[in-house]
Amino acid sequence: MTLTSRVVHSDPDILGGTPVFVGTRVPMITLLDYLEAGDSLDVFLDHFPSVTREQTIAALELAKEMRFLKVFRRRSTTTPARDRTDVMC
């Protein structure tokens, strides 16, 4: 079982396929919205008791990893012309 499948789940029959925390109907984006608004993790957990602290931490780690991979892929596929050896000067 992957980290993603233990933390976040997407099912067309649950909120139209919106990624939610496993075992809940709480969208993962809701956590990000709370944090973006300046609320603490404890406030989010108080408002959504069906989500565990472990799930939220794992979801944030997953989001961080996904963001890193996205940036890494973008950087590795867009090499500036001055660094490429196949460009004639």
Protein backbone atom coordinates (compact mmCIF):
# COMPACT_ATOMS: atom_id res chain seq x y z
CA MET A 1 0.00 0.00 0.00
CA THR A 2 1.47 3.38 -1.00
CA LEU A 3 1.57 6.47 1.19
CA THR A 4 -0.93 8.14 -1.13
CA SER A 5 -3.49 5.36 -0.80
CA ARG A 6 -3.22 5.43 3.02
CA VAL A 7 -3.71 9.19 3.25
CA VAL A 8 -5.71 10.45 0.30
CA HIS A 9 -8.38 8.72 -1.74
CA SER A 10 -10.29 9.72 -4.85
CA ASP A 11 -13.55 7.99 -5.72
CA PRO A 12 -16.10 9.26 -8.25
CA ASP A 13 -18.85 8.35 -5.78
CA ILE A 14 -17.36 10.53 -3.02
CA LEU A 15 -17.60 14.26 -3.67
CA GLY A 16 -17.36 13.66 -7.41
CA GLY A 17 -13.83 12.28 -7.19
CA THR A 18 -12.33 15.12 -5.16
CA PRO A 19 -9.29 13.79 -3.26
CA VAL A 20 -10.33 13.26 0.37
CA PHE A 21 -8.61 11.95 3.48
CA VAL A 22 -9.05 8.18 3.64
CA GLY A 23 -12.04 7.17 5.74
CA THR A 24 -13.58 10.66 5.58
CA ARG A 25 -15.41 13.01 3.27
CA VAL A 26 -12.96 15.82 4.06
CA PRO A 27 -11.21 17.14 0.94
CA MET A 28 -7.44 17.43 1.22
CA ILE A 29 -7.64 20.90 -0.29
CA THR A 30 -9.56 21.98 2.81
CA LEU A 31 -6.43 21.42 4.90
CA LEU A 32 -4.41 23.55 2.51
CA ASP A 33 -7.10 26.25 2.55
CA TYR A 34 -7.03 26.37 6.36
CA LEU A 35 -3.25 26.65 6.46
CA GLU A 36 -3.21 29.25 3.70
CA ALA A 37 -5.72 31.31 5.68
CA GLY A 38 -3.33 31.27 8.64
CA ASP A 39 -5.18 28.73 10.75
CA SER A 40 -3.14 26.23 12.73
CA LEU A 41 -3.19 22.50 12.22
CA ASP A 42 -4.95 22.19 15.59
CA VAL A 43 -7.80 24.42 14.38
CA PHE A 44 -8.24 22.24 11.30
CA LEU A 45 -8.21 19.08 13.43
CA ASP A 46 -10.75 20.57 15.85
CA HIS A 47 -13.07 21.36 12.94
CA PHE A 48 -12.59 17.96 11.28
CA PRO A 49 -12.21 15.34 14.03
CA SER A 50 -12.51 12.47 11.53
CA VAL A 51 -9.05 13.41 10.18
CA THR A 52 -6.06 12.38 12.29
CA ARG A 53 -2.93 14.40 12.95
CA GLU A 54 -0.92 11.61 11.32
CA GLN A 55 -3.02 11.87 8.16
CA THR A 56 -2.54 15.62 7.94
CA ILE A 57 1.23 15.41 8.43
CA ALA A 58 1.50 12.63 5.85
CA ALA A 59 -0.64 14.64 3.42
CA LEU A 60 1.57 17.70 3.84
CA GLU A 61 4.69 15.60 3.32
CA LEU A 62 3.12 14.12 0.21
CA ALA A 63 2.20 17.56 -1.13
CA LYS A 64 5.74 18.78 -0.46
CA GLU A 65 7.22 15.80 -2.27
CA MET A 66 4.89 16.24 -5.24
CA ARG A 67 5.79 19.94 -5.46
CA PHE A 68 9.50 19.11 -5.35
CA LEU A 69 9.14 16.52 -8.09
CA LYS A 70 7.18 18.95 -10.26
CA VAL A 71 9.86 21.65 -9.89
CA PHE A 72 12.67 19.12 -10.44
CA ARG A 73 11.05 17.77 -13.62
CA ARG A 74 10.47 21.27 -14.96
CA ARG A 75 14.09 22.26 -14.32
CA SER A 76 15.49 19.10 -15.87
CA THR A 77 13.48 19.54 -19.08
CA THR A 78 14.11 23.25 -19.61
CA THR A 79 17.84 23.67 -19.98
CA PRO A 80 18.90 27.23 -20.90
CA ALA A 81 20.47 27.51 -24.37
CA ARG A 82 23.80 28.74 -22.97
CA ASP A 83 24.20 25.44 -21.07
CA ARG A 84 23.34 23.20 -24.00
CA THR A 85 26.15 21.79 -26.11
CA ASP A 86 23.97 21.35 -29.20
CA VAL A 87 23.43 25.09 -29.74
CA MET A 88 25.75 26.87 -32.16
CA CYS A 89 27.03 30.24 -30.95
